């Protein structure tokens, strides 16, 4: 199953966002894989500061359970200064409807 979603950076935070992801904690990588995520990419639109995420997941329910892990909540807290977040520091993330896919 594939997922596409969008998030939003605060203005001028693209370098810090990229740096933090280039140094992604090993525990966070492990959590993503443990909860069924793979082939994960995030793209930045410099004109709007919108991030577009793409990830392949095994199962929507399994993937959603990763949000409640301690490492994921720690990551959200770490990333909150650079992007729009909800009150619990989870990123404001909007799922996108798949319109076309070609293997």
N, C-alpha and C. Protein backbone atom coordinates (compact mmCIF):
# COMPACT_ATOMS: atom_id res chain seq x y z
N UNK A 1 0.84 -1.16 0.00
CA UNK A 1 0.00 0.00 0.00
C UNK A 1 0.90 1.24 0.00
N UNK A 2 0.52 2.24 -0.78
CA UNK A 2 1.30 3.47 -0.81
C UNK A 2 0.50 4.59 -0.17
N UNK A 3 1.22 5.53 0.46
CA UNK A 3 0.60 6.69 1.07
C UNK A 3 1.31 7.94 0.58
N UNK A 4 0.53 8.95 0.29
CA UNK A 4 1.06 10.27 0.00
C UNK A 4 0.43 11.25 0.97
N UNK A 5 1.21 12.21 1.43
CA UNK A 5 0.69 13.18 2.39
C UNK A 5 1.50 14.47 2.28
N UNK A 6 0.93 15.55 2.82
CA UNK A 6 1.66 16.81 2.82
C UNK A 6 1.73 17.38 4.22
N UNK A 7 2.81 18.12 4.46
CA UNK A 7 3.06 18.81 5.72
C UNK A 7 3.61 20.19 5.35
N UNK A 8 3.85 21.04 6.35
CA UNK A 8 4.34 22.38 6.04
C UNK A 8 5.47 22.77 6.98
N UNK A 9 6.55 23.25 6.36
CA UNK A 9 7.69 23.78 7.11
C UNK A 9 7.44 25.22 7.50
N UNK A 10 8.06 25.63 8.59
CA UNK A 10 8.12 27.06 8.88
C UNK A 10 9.12 27.68 7.91
N UNK A 11 8.88 28.91 7.53
CA UNK A 11 9.75 29.61 6.57
C UNK A 11 11.20 29.60 7.05
N UNK A 12 12.10 29.31 6.13
CA UNK A 12 13.52 29.34 6.41
C UNK A 12 14.06 28.13 7.15
N UNK A 13 13.24 27.11 7.37
CA UNK A 13 13.67 25.95 8.16
C UNK A 13 14.04 24.74 7.32
N UNK A 14 14.11 24.90 6.00
CA UNK A 14 14.37 23.75 5.14
C UNK A 14 15.74 23.12 5.40
N UNK A 15 16.76 23.92 5.64
CA UNK A 15 18.09 23.35 5.88
C UNK A 15 18.12 22.54 7.18
N UNK A 16 17.49 23.07 8.21
CA UNK A 16 17.45 22.36 9.49
C UNK A 16 16.62 21.09 9.38
N UNK A 17 15.50 21.15 8.65
CA UNK A 17 14.67 19.96 8.44
C UNK A 17 15.47 18.88 7.73
N UNK A 18 16.15 19.26 6.67
CA UNK A 18 16.95 18.30 5.91
C UNK A 18 18.07 17.73 6.77
N UNK A 19 18.75 18.58 7.54
CA UNK A 19 19.84 18.13 8.41
C UNK A 19 19.33 17.08 9.41
N UNK A 20 18.21 17.37 10.03
CA UNK A 20 17.68 16.44 11.03
C UNK A 20 17.30 15.11 10.40
N UNK A 21 16.79 15.12 9.20
CA UNK A 21 16.44 13.86 8.54
C UNK A 21 17.68 13.13 8.02
N UNK A 22 18.69 13.86 7.61
CA UNK A 22 19.94 13.21 7.19
C UNK A 22 20.64 12.53 8.36
N UNK A 23 20.32 12.97 9.57
CA UNK A 23 20.87 12.38 10.79
C UNK A 23 19.82 11.59 11.55
N UNK A 24 18.85 11.03 10.83
CA UNK A 24 17.74 10.30 11.44
C UNK A 24 18.26 9.26 12.42
N UNK A 25 17.71 9.29 13.62
CA UNK A 25 18.15 8.38 14.68
C UNK A 25 17.93 6.92 14.26
N UNK A 26 18.88 6.06 14.56
CA UNK A 26 18.71 4.63 14.23
C UNK A 26 17.44 4.03 14.82
N UNK A 27 17.06 4.47 16.04
CA UNK A 27 15.84 3.95 16.67
C UNK A 27 14.60 4.36 15.89
N UNK A 28 14.65 5.52 15.26
CA UNK A 28 13.52 5.98 14.47
C UNK A 28 13.43 5.17 13.16
N UNK A 29 14.57 4.93 12.55
CA UNK A 29 14.60 4.07 11.36
C UNK A 29 14.03 2.69 11.68
N UNK A 30 14.45 2.14 12.82
CA UNK A 30 13.97 0.82 13.22
C UNK A 30 12.46 0.83 13.44
N UNK A 31 11.93 1.89 14.07
CA UNK A 31 10.50 1.97 14.32
C UNK A 31 9.73 2.02 12.99
N UNK A 32 10.20 2.80 12.04
CA UNK A 32 9.53 2.90 10.74
C UNK A 32 9.44 1.52 10.10
N UNK A 33 10.55 0.79 10.12
CA UNK A 33 10.55 -0.56 9.53
C UNK A 33 9.69 -1.53 10.34
N UNK A 34 9.79 -1.45 11.66
CA UNK A 34 9.03 -2.36 12.53
C UNK A 34 7.52 -2.21 12.32
N UNK A 35 7.07 -1.00 12.03
CA UNK A 35 5.64 -0.76 11.85
C UNK A 35 5.23 -0.77 10.38
N UNK A 36 6.07 -1.36 9.55
CA UNK A 36 5.68 -1.67 8.18
C UNK A 36 5.99 -0.62 7.14
N UNK A 37 6.82 0.36 7.45
CA UNK A 37 7.16 1.39 6.48
C UNK A 37 8.43 1.08 5.72
N UNK A 38 8.44 1.42 4.43
CA UNK A 38 9.65 1.27 3.62
C UNK A 38 9.56 2.24 2.44
N UNK A 39 10.68 2.41 1.77
CA UNK A 39 10.74 3.27 0.59
C UNK A 39 10.11 4.64 0.88
N UNK A 40 10.60 5.28 1.93
CA UNK A 40 10.05 6.53 2.44
C UNK A 40 10.83 7.70 1.85
N UNK A 41 10.13 8.64 1.25
CA UNK A 41 10.74 9.84 0.69
C UNK A 41 9.91 11.05 1.07
N UNK A 42 10.60 12.18 1.27
CA UNK A 42 9.94 13.46 1.53
C UNK A 42 10.55 14.48 0.59
N UNK A 43 9.69 15.24 -0.07
CA UNK A 43 10.11 16.26 -1.03
C UNK A 43 9.66 17.63 -0.54
N UNK A 44 10.42 18.67 -0.88
CA UNK A 44 10.14 20.03 -0.45
C UNK A 44 9.84 20.92 -1.65
N UNK A 45 8.73 21.65 -1.57
CA UNK A 45 8.38 22.67 -2.57
C UNK A 45 8.85 24.01 -2.03
N UNK A 46 9.93 24.54 -2.59
CA UNK A 46 10.53 25.77 -2.05
C UNK A 46 9.65 27.00 -2.21
N UNK A 47 8.71 26.97 -3.14
CA UNK A 47 7.82 28.13 -3.31
C UNK A 47 6.76 28.22 -2.22
N UNK A 48 6.37 27.08 -1.64
CA UNK A 48 5.29 27.07 -0.66
C UNK A 48 5.71 26.56 0.72
N UNK A 49 6.91 26.00 0.84
CA UNK A 49 7.37 25.31 2.05
C UNK A 49 6.51 24.10 2.40
N UNK A 50 5.82 23.57 1.39
CA UNK A 50 5.05 22.35 1.58
C UNK A 50 5.98 21.15 1.37
N UNK A 51 5.84 20.17 2.26
CA UNK A 51 6.55 18.91 2.14
C UNK A 51 5.58 17.87 1.59
N UNK A 52 6.04 17.07 0.67
CA UNK A 52 5.25 15.96 0.15
C UNK A 52 5.94 14.67 0.56
N UNK A 53 5.21 13.83 1.28
CA UNK A 53 5.75 12.56 1.73
C UNK A 53 5.17 11.41 0.94
N UNK A 54 6.00 10.42 0.70
CA UNK A 54 5.60 9.18 0.03
C UNK A 54 6.19 8.04 0.84
N UNK A 55 5.35 7.07 1.17
CA UNK A 55 5.83 5.89 1.89
C UNK A 55 5.02 4.68 1.47
N UNK A 56 5.68 3.55 1.44
CA UNK A 56 5.01 2.28 1.21
C UNK A 56 4.85 1.62 2.57
N UNK A 57 3.62 1.19 2.88
CA UNK A 57 3.36 0.56 4.17
C UNK A 57 2.71 -0.80 3.96
N UNK A 58 2.90 -1.68 4.94
CA UNK A 58 2.32 -3.02 4.88
C UNK A 58 0.81 -2.97 5.13
N UNK A 59 0.43 -2.16 6.13
CA UNK A 59 -0.95 -2.17 6.59
C UNK A 59 -1.22 -0.83 7.30
N UNK A 60 -2.33 -0.20 7.00
CA UNK A 60 -2.67 1.10 7.58
C UNK A 60 -2.78 1.05 9.11
N UNK A 61 -3.41 0.00 9.63
CA UNK A 61 -3.58 -0.13 11.08
C UNK A 61 -2.23 -0.32 11.79
N UNK A 62 -1.39 -1.17 11.23
CA UNK A 62 -0.06 -1.40 11.80
C UNK A 62 0.75 -0.11 11.77
N UNK A 63 0.71 0.61 10.67
CA UNK A 63 1.45 1.85 10.53
C UNK A 63 0.98 2.88 11.56
N UNK A 64 -0.32 3.00 11.77
CA UNK A 64 -0.88 3.97 12.70
C UNK A 64 -0.41 3.72 14.14
N UNK A 65 -0.16 2.46 14.49
CA UNK A 65 0.29 2.13 15.84
C UNK A 65 1.69 2.69 16.14
N UNK A 66 2.49 2.94 15.12
CA UNK A 66 3.81 3.52 15.32
C UNK A 66 3.77 4.91 15.92
N UNK A 67 2.66 5.62 15.73
CA UNK A 67 2.53 6.98 16.27
C UNK A 67 2.59 6.98 17.79
N UNK A 68 2.18 5.91 18.43
CA UNK A 68 2.13 5.85 19.89
C UNK A 68 3.41 5.33 20.53
N UNK A 69 4.46 5.18 19.76
CA UNK A 69 5.73 4.72 20.34
C UNK A 69 6.48 5.89 20.97
N UNK A 70 7.27 5.58 21.97
CA UNK A 70 8.04 6.61 22.67
C UNK A 70 9.01 7.30 21.71
N UNK A 71 9.65 6.54 20.83
CA UNK A 71 10.63 7.14 19.92
C UNK A 71 9.94 8.07 18.93
N UNK A 72 8.76 7.72 18.49
CA UNK A 72 8.05 8.58 17.56
C UNK A 72 7.64 9.89 18.23
N UNK A 73 7.16 9.81 19.46
CA UNK A 73 6.76 11.03 20.19
C UNK A 73 7.98 11.91 20.46
N UNK A 74 9.12 11.29 20.74
CA UNK A 74 10.37 12.05 20.94
C UNK A 74 10.75 12.76 19.64
N UNK A 75 10.59 12.06 18.49
CA UNK A 75 10.89 12.66 17.18
C UNK A 75 9.97 13.85 16.92
N UNK A 76 8.68 13.69 17.20
CA UNK A 76 7.75 14.80 17.01
C UNK A 76 8.18 16.02 17.81
N UNK A 77 8.56 15.81 19.07
CA UNK A 77 9.01 16.92 19.91
C UNK A 77 10.25 17.58 19.32
N UNK A 78 11.15 16.78 18.79
CA UNK A 78 12.39 17.26 18.19
C UNK A 78 12.11 18.09 16.93
N UNK A 79 11.12 17.69 16.15
CA UNK A 79 10.81 18.35 14.89
C UNK A 79 9.86 19.54 15.02
N UNK A 80 9.18 19.67 16.14
CA UNK A 80 8.16 20.72 16.31
C UNK A 80 8.68 22.14 16.04
N UNK A 81 9.93 22.48 16.35
CA UNK A 81 10.38 23.84 16.09
C UNK A 81 10.53 24.20 14.61
N UNK A 82 10.51 23.22 13.72
CA UNK A 82 10.78 23.52 12.31
C UNK A 82 9.56 23.38 11.39
N UNK A 83 8.42 22.90 11.94
CA UNK A 83 7.27 22.66 11.08
C UNK A 83 5.96 22.84 11.83
N UNK A 84 4.88 22.98 11.08
CA UNK A 84 3.57 23.11 11.69
C UNK A 84 3.19 21.81 12.39
N UNK A 85 2.69 21.94 13.63
CA UNK A 85 2.33 20.76 14.42
C UNK A 85 0.98 20.95 15.08
N UNK A 86 0.42 19.83 15.50
CA UNK A 86 -0.79 19.80 16.31
C UNK A 86 -0.40 20.02 17.77
N UNK A 87 -1.38 20.18 18.67
CA UNK A 87 -1.06 20.40 20.09
C UNK A 87 -0.19 19.32 20.72
N UNK A 88 -0.25 18.07 20.21
CA UNK A 88 0.59 16.99 20.77
C UNK A 88 1.95 16.91 20.07
N UNK A 89 2.28 17.91 19.26
CA UNK A 89 3.53 18.00 18.49
C UNK A 89 3.58 17.07 17.29
N UNK A 90 2.52 16.33 17.01
CA UNK A 90 2.50 15.56 15.76
C UNK A 90 2.43 16.55 14.61
N UNK A 91 3.07 16.23 13.49
CA UNK A 91 3.02 17.16 12.37
C UNK A 91 1.59 17.30 11.83
N UNK A 92 1.24 18.51 11.45
CA UNK A 92 -0.01 18.69 10.73
C UNK A 92 0.22 18.00 9.39
N UNK A 93 -0.49 16.91 9.17
CA UNK A 93 -0.28 16.07 7.99
C UNK A 93 -1.62 15.81 7.33
N UNK A 94 -1.68 16.04 6.05
CA UNK A 94 -2.90 15.85 5.29
C UNK A 94 -2.67 14.74 4.28
N UNK A 95 -3.45 13.67 4.41
CA UNK A 95 -3.35 12.57 3.45
C UNK A 95 -3.82 13.04 2.08
N UNK A 96 -3.16 12.58 1.06
CA UNK A 96 -3.50 12.92 -0.32
C UNK A 96 -4.14 11.70 -1.00
N UNK A 97 -5.13 11.95 -1.80
CA UNK A 97 -5.84 10.88 -2.49
C UNK A 97 -5.02 10.44 -3.70
N UNK A 98 -4.73 9.16 -3.80
CA UNK A 98 -4.02 8.67 -5.00
C UNK A 98 -4.89 8.91 -6.25
N UNK A 99 -4.26 9.44 -7.27
CA UNK A 99 -4.97 9.72 -8.52
C UNK A 99 -4.43 8.90 -9.68
N UNK A 100 -3.17 8.46 -9.58
CA UNK A 100 -2.56 7.69 -10.65
C UNK A 100 -1.35 7.00 -10.10
N UNK A 101 -1.12 5.78 -10.54
CA UNK A 101 0.09 5.02 -10.16
C UNK A 101 0.46 4.12 -11.34
N UNK A 102 1.73 4.07 -11.63
CA UNK A 102 2.24 3.19 -12.69
C UNK A 102 3.47 2.49 -12.16
N UNK A 103 3.48 1.17 -12.20
CA UNK A 103 4.68 0.40 -11.81
C UNK A 103 5.64 0.34 -12.98
